[in-house]
C-alpha cells in the first residue's frame, strides 16, 4: 500500500476475494477468519490512499450457512462499503476443499 500510495503510476485498485464475512463460514472454507484484522487493514489502506478502489467477491449459499451468518455478511457489506462486489452462489467444484 505504501508503494502504491507513493507512485502515481500504480492504479489505486485492489481486488481482495474475501469470500465471506462470518468467521465460522470462513473456517469451514479453510480461509482466514480474523475479521477484526480485515476491518483494520481496510481502514488503514483507505487512510493512506483516499482514492483507493476496493473490489471483493463473496460466496453465498455455502453449505451450512445460516440466515444469521448471511446477515453478518450483509452487515459487513453495509459497514465497509466496497466500490465493487461480486456475489456468487456456491457450487461444488471437484478437487476443491471448499
N, C-alpha and C. Protein backbone atom coordinates (compact mmCIF):
# COMPACT_ATOMS: atom_id res chain seq x y z
N UNK A 1 0.83 -1.18 0.00
CA UNK A 1 0.00 0.00 0.00
C UNK A 1 0.88 1.24 0.00
N UNK A 2 1.96 1.21 0.77
CA UNK A 2 2.87 2.35 0.79
C UNK A 2 3.45 2.60 -0.60
N UNK A 3 3.82 1.53 -1.30
CA UNK A 3 4.37 1.67 -2.65
C UNK A 3 3.31 2.22 -3.59
N UNK A 4 2.10 1.69 -3.51
CA UNK A 4 1.01 2.18 -4.35
C UNK A 4 0.76 3.67 -4.09
N UNK A 5 0.73 4.05 -2.83
CA UNK A 5 0.46 5.43 -2.47
C UNK A 5 1.57 6.37 -2.94
N UNK A 6 2.80 5.86 -2.99
CA UNK A 6 3.95 6.70 -3.34
C UNK A 6 4.14 6.87 -4.85
N UNK A 7 3.50 6.04 -5.65
CA UNK A 7 3.72 6.08 -7.10
C UNK A 7 2.41 6.26 -7.84
N UNK A 8 2.25 7.42 -8.45
CA UNK A 8 1.02 7.73 -9.19
C UNK A 8 0.84 6.82 -10.40
N UNK A 9 1.92 6.15 -10.84
CA UNK A 9 1.83 5.26 -11.99
C UNK A 9 1.06 3.98 -11.65
N UNK A 10 0.92 3.68 -10.38
CA UNK A 10 0.24 2.46 -9.93
C UNK A 10 -1.24 2.78 -9.73
N UNK A 11 -2.08 2.02 -10.39
CA UNK A 11 -3.52 2.20 -10.27
C UNK A 11 -3.97 1.90 -8.85
N UNK A 12 -4.68 2.80 -8.20
CA UNK A 12 -5.12 2.58 -6.82
C UNK A 12 -6.36 1.69 -6.77
N UNK A 13 -6.17 0.43 -7.10
CA UNK A 13 -7.27 -0.53 -7.20
C UNK A 13 -6.82 -1.87 -6.65
N UNK A 14 -7.62 -2.46 -5.78
CA UNK A 14 -7.30 -3.78 -5.24
C UNK A 14 -8.54 -4.67 -5.30
N UNK A 15 -8.34 -5.89 -5.71
CA UNK A 15 -9.40 -6.90 -5.70
C UNK A 15 -9.01 -7.92 -4.63
N UNK A 16 -9.79 -7.95 -3.55
CA UNK A 16 -9.48 -8.79 -2.40
C UNK A 16 -10.61 -9.81 -2.25
N UNK A 17 -10.43 -11.05 -2.68
CA UNK A 17 -11.51 -12.04 -2.64
C UNK A 17 -11.74 -12.60 -1.23
N UNK A 18 -12.55 -11.90 -0.45
CA UNK A 18 -12.76 -12.29 0.95
C UNK A 18 -13.61 -13.55 1.10
N UNK A 19 -14.53 -13.80 0.21
CA UNK A 19 -15.40 -14.98 0.15
C UNK A 19 -16.55 -14.98 1.15
N UNK A 20 -16.38 -14.42 2.33
CA UNK A 20 -17.46 -14.32 3.32
C UNK A 20 -17.00 -13.40 4.43
N UNK A 21 -17.91 -13.08 5.36
CA UNK A 21 -17.54 -12.22 6.48
C UNK A 21 -17.80 -12.88 7.83
N UNK A 22 -18.39 -14.05 7.82
CA UNK A 22 -18.67 -14.74 9.08
C UNK A 22 -17.52 -15.70 9.41
N UNK A 23 -16.93 -15.58 10.60
CA UNK A 23 -15.78 -16.43 10.95
C UNK A 23 -16.03 -17.93 10.84
N UNK A 24 -17.20 -18.42 11.26
CA UNK A 24 -17.45 -19.85 11.18
C UNK A 24 -17.50 -20.32 9.73
N UNK A 25 -18.16 -19.55 8.88
CA UNK A 25 -18.23 -19.91 7.46
C UNK A 25 -16.83 -19.88 6.85
N UNK A 26 -16.06 -18.86 7.17
CA UNK A 26 -14.70 -18.78 6.64
C UNK A 26 -13.84 -19.96 7.08
N UNK A 27 -13.95 -20.34 8.35
CA UNK A 27 -13.18 -21.51 8.83
C UNK A 27 -13.60 -22.77 8.09
N UNK A 28 -14.90 -22.92 7.84
CA UNK A 28 -15.35 -24.11 7.12
C UNK A 28 -14.86 -24.12 5.68
N UNK A 29 -14.56 -22.93 5.15
CA UNK A 29 -13.98 -22.81 3.80
C UNK A 29 -12.45 -22.96 3.84
N UNK A 30 -11.92 -23.10 5.05
CA UNK A 30 -10.46 -23.17 5.26
C UNK A 30 -9.78 -21.87 4.80
N UNK A 31 -10.41 -20.76 5.19
CA UNK A 31 -9.88 -19.44 4.86
C UNK A 31 -9.62 -18.68 6.16
N UNK A 32 -8.74 -17.67 6.12
CA UNK A 32 -8.51 -16.85 7.31
C UNK A 32 -9.82 -16.25 7.81
N UNK A 33 -9.99 -16.21 9.12
CA UNK A 33 -11.28 -15.79 9.69
C UNK A 33 -11.16 -14.63 10.66
N UNK A 34 -10.10 -13.85 10.58
CA UNK A 34 -9.90 -12.74 11.51
C UNK A 34 -10.48 -11.46 10.91
N UNK A 35 -11.78 -11.26 11.10
CA UNK A 35 -12.45 -10.11 10.50
C UNK A 35 -12.03 -8.79 11.16
N UNK A 36 -11.60 -8.82 12.39
CA UNK A 36 -11.09 -7.60 13.03
C UNK A 36 -9.86 -7.11 12.27
N UNK A 37 -8.98 -8.03 11.90
CA UNK A 37 -7.80 -7.69 11.11
C UNK A 37 -8.20 -7.13 9.75
N UNK A 38 -9.20 -7.74 9.12
CA UNK A 38 -9.68 -7.26 7.82
C UNK A 38 -10.17 -5.82 7.94
N UNK A 39 -11.01 -5.56 8.94
CA UNK A 39 -11.52 -4.20 9.15
C UNK A 39 -10.38 -3.20 9.32
N UNK A 40 -9.43 -3.51 10.20
CA UNK A 40 -8.31 -2.61 10.47
C UNK A 40 -7.46 -2.39 9.23
N UNK A 41 -7.22 -3.46 8.48
CA UNK A 41 -6.39 -3.36 7.28
C UNK A 41 -7.06 -2.51 6.21
N UNK A 42 -8.36 -2.72 5.99
CA UNK A 42 -9.08 -1.91 5.01
C UNK A 42 -9.08 -0.44 5.41
N UNK A 43 -9.29 -0.19 6.68
CA UNK A 43 -9.28 1.19 7.19
C UNK A 43 -7.91 1.83 6.99
N UNK A 44 -6.87 1.08 7.28
CA UNK A 44 -5.50 1.57 7.12
C UNK A 44 -5.21 1.88 5.65
N UNK A 45 -5.63 0.99 4.75
CA UNK A 45 -5.40 1.20 3.33
C UNK A 45 -6.11 2.46 2.84
N UNK A 46 -7.36 2.62 3.24
CA UNK A 46 -8.12 3.80 2.81
C UNK A 46 -7.55 5.07 3.42
N UNK A 47 -6.98 4.97 4.61
CA UNK A 47 -6.35 6.13 5.22
C UNK A 47 -5.12 6.60 4.47
N UNK A 48 -4.41 5.68 3.85
CA UNK A 48 -3.20 6.03 3.11
C UNK A 48 -3.50 6.42 1.67
N UNK A 49 -4.63 5.94 1.14
CA UNK A 49 -4.98 6.22 -0.26
C UNK A 49 -6.47 6.54 -0.34
N UNK A 50 -6.79 7.81 -0.31
CA UNK A 50 -8.20 8.21 -0.32
C UNK A 50 -8.92 7.79 -1.60
N UNK A 51 -8.19 7.70 -2.71
CA UNK A 51 -8.80 7.34 -3.99
C UNK A 51 -8.74 5.83 -4.27
N UNK A 52 -8.39 5.04 -3.27
CA UNK A 52 -8.29 3.60 -3.44
C UNK A 52 -9.65 2.99 -3.76
N UNK A 53 -9.72 2.21 -4.81
CA UNK A 53 -10.93 1.48 -5.17
C UNK A 53 -10.76 0.04 -4.70
N UNK A 54 -11.73 -0.44 -3.93
CA UNK A 54 -11.68 -1.81 -3.40
C UNK A 54 -12.81 -2.64 -3.99
N UNK A 55 -12.44 -3.82 -4.47
CA UNK A 55 -13.41 -4.77 -5.00
C UNK A 55 -13.22 -6.07 -4.26
N UNK A 56 -14.31 -6.84 -4.13
CA UNK A 56 -14.22 -8.14 -3.48
C UNK A 56 -15.27 -9.07 -4.06
N UNK A 57 -15.15 -10.34 -3.72
CA UNK A 57 -16.14 -11.33 -4.12
C UNK A 57 -16.54 -12.16 -2.91
N UNK A 58 -17.79 -12.62 -2.93
CA UNK A 58 -18.33 -13.43 -1.85
C UNK A 58 -19.04 -14.64 -2.42
N UNK A 59 -19.07 -15.70 -1.63
CA UNK A 59 -19.84 -16.90 -1.94
C UNK A 59 -21.06 -16.90 -1.03
N UNK A 60 -22.24 -17.03 -1.61
CA UNK A 60 -23.47 -17.11 -0.81
C UNK A 60 -24.08 -18.49 -1.00
N UNK A 61 -24.84 -18.92 -0.01
CA UNK A 61 -25.45 -20.25 -0.09
C UNK A 61 -24.46 -21.36 0.18
N UNK A 62 -23.38 -21.04 0.89
CA UNK A 62 -22.39 -22.06 1.23
C UNK A 62 -23.05 -23.12 2.11
N UNK A 63 -22.74 -24.40 1.92
CA UNK A 63 -23.37 -25.45 2.73
C UNK A 63 -23.25 -25.18 4.23
N UNK A 64 -24.39 -25.17 4.90
CA UNK A 64 -24.43 -24.93 6.34
C UNK A 64 -24.55 -23.47 6.72
N UNK A 65 -24.46 -22.56 5.76
CA UNK A 65 -24.58 -21.13 6.07
C UNK A 65 -25.99 -20.85 6.60
N UNK A 66 -26.06 -20.19 7.75
CA UNK A 66 -27.35 -19.87 8.36
C UNK A 66 -27.79 -18.46 7.94
N UNK A 67 -29.05 -18.16 8.22
CA UNK A 67 -29.56 -16.81 7.95
C UNK A 67 -28.76 -15.77 8.74
N UNK A 68 -28.41 -16.11 9.98
CA UNK A 68 -27.63 -15.20 10.82
C UNK A 68 -26.25 -14.94 10.21
N UNK A 69 -25.61 -15.98 9.70
CA UNK A 69 -24.29 -15.82 9.08
C UNK A 69 -24.39 -15.00 7.80
N UNK A 70 -25.46 -15.22 7.04
CA UNK A 70 -25.69 -14.42 5.85
C UNK A 70 -25.90 -12.95 6.24
N UNK A 71 -26.63 -12.71 7.32
CA UNK A 71 -26.84 -11.34 7.80
C UNK A 71 -25.53 -10.70 8.23
N UNK A 72 -24.63 -11.49 8.81
CA UNK A 72 -23.30 -10.98 9.16
C UNK A 72 -22.60 -10.46 7.91
N UNK A 73 -22.72 -11.20 6.82
CA UNK A 73 -22.14 -10.77 5.55
C UNK A 73 -22.77 -9.46 5.07
N UNK A 74 -24.10 -9.37 5.12
CA UNK A 74 -24.78 -8.15 4.68
C UNK A 74 -24.39 -6.95 5.54
N UNK A 75 -24.29 -7.17 6.85
CA UNK A 75 -23.88 -6.09 7.76
C UNK A 75 -22.46 -5.62 7.44
N UNK A 76 -21.59 -6.57 7.18
CA UNK A 76 -20.21 -6.25 6.82
C UNK A 76 -20.17 -5.40 5.55
N UNK A 77 -20.95 -5.79 4.56
CA UNK A 77 -21.00 -5.04 3.30
C UNK A 77 -21.49 -3.61 3.53
N UNK A 78 -22.51 -3.45 4.36
CA UNK A 78 -23.05 -2.12 4.65
C UNK A 78 -22.02 -1.26 5.37
N UNK A 79 -21.24 -1.88 6.22
CA UNK A 79 -20.25 -1.14 7.01
C UNK A 79 -19.03 -0.75 6.17
N UNK A 80 -18.51 -1.69 5.40
CA UNK A 80 -17.25 -1.46 4.69
C UNK A 80 -17.45 -0.65 3.41
N UNK A 81 -18.55 -0.87 2.72
CA UNK A 81 -18.88 -0.11 1.50
C UNK A 81 -17.79 -0.23 0.44
N UNK A 82 -17.64 -1.43 -0.08
CA UNK A 82 -16.71 -1.67 -1.18
C UNK A 82 -17.17 -0.90 -2.42
N UNK A 83 -16.25 -0.63 -3.32
CA UNK A 83 -16.60 0.05 -4.56
C UNK A 83 -17.29 -0.90 -5.54
N UNK A 84 -16.88 -2.15 -5.53
CA UNK A 84 -17.49 -3.17 -6.38
C UNK A 84 -17.53 -4.48 -5.61
N UNK A 85 -18.64 -5.22 -5.78
CA UNK A 85 -18.80 -6.50 -5.10
C UNK A 85 -19.38 -7.51 -6.08
N UNK A 86 -18.79 -8.69 -6.10
CA UNK A 86 -19.34 -9.80 -6.86
C UNK A 86 -19.82 -10.85 -5.87
N UNK A 87 -21.03 -11.34 -6.07
CA UNK A 87 -21.58 -12.40 -5.20
C UNK A 87 -21.92 -13.59 -6.08
N UNK A 88 -21.46 -14.74 -5.67
CA UNK A 88 -21.66 -15.95 -6.45
C UNK A 88 -22.30 -17.03 -5.59
N UNK A 89 -23.27 -17.71 -6.16
CA UNK A 89 -23.91 -18.82 -5.45
C UNK A 89 -22.93 -19.98 -5.38
N UNK A 90 -22.88 -20.63 -4.22
CA UNK A 90 -21.98 -21.77 -4.05
C UNK A 90 -22.31 -22.85 -5.07
N UNK A 91 -21.28 -23.41 -5.64
CA UNK A 91 -21.43 -24.61 -6.48
C UNK A 91 -20.23 -25.50 -6.22
N UNK A 92 -20.49 -26.76 -6.03
CA UNK A 92 -19.41 -27.72 -5.76
C UNK A 92 -18.51 -27.84 -6.97
N UNK A 93 -17.20 -27.79 -6.74
CA UNK A 93 -16.20 -27.97 -7.79
C UNK A 93 -15.32 -29.15 -7.41
N UNK A 94 -15.31 -30.20 -8.21
CA UNK A 94 -14.47 -31.36 -7.89
C UNK A 94 -13.01 -30.96 -7.73
N UNK A 95 -12.37 -31.57 -6.74
CA UNK A 95 -10.96 -31.32 -6.50
C UNK A 95 -10.67 -30.12 -5.61
N UNK A 96 -11.72 -29.45 -5.12
CA UNK A 96 -11.50 -28.32 -4.22
C UNK A 96 -11.88 -28.74 -2.80
N UNK A 97 -11.29 -28.04 -1.82
CA UNK A 97 -11.57 -28.39 -0.42
C UNK A 97 -12.82 -27.72 0.10
N UNK A 98 -13.26 -26.67 -0.55
CA UNK A 98 -14.48 -25.99 -0.09
C UNK A 98 -15.23 -25.40 -1.27
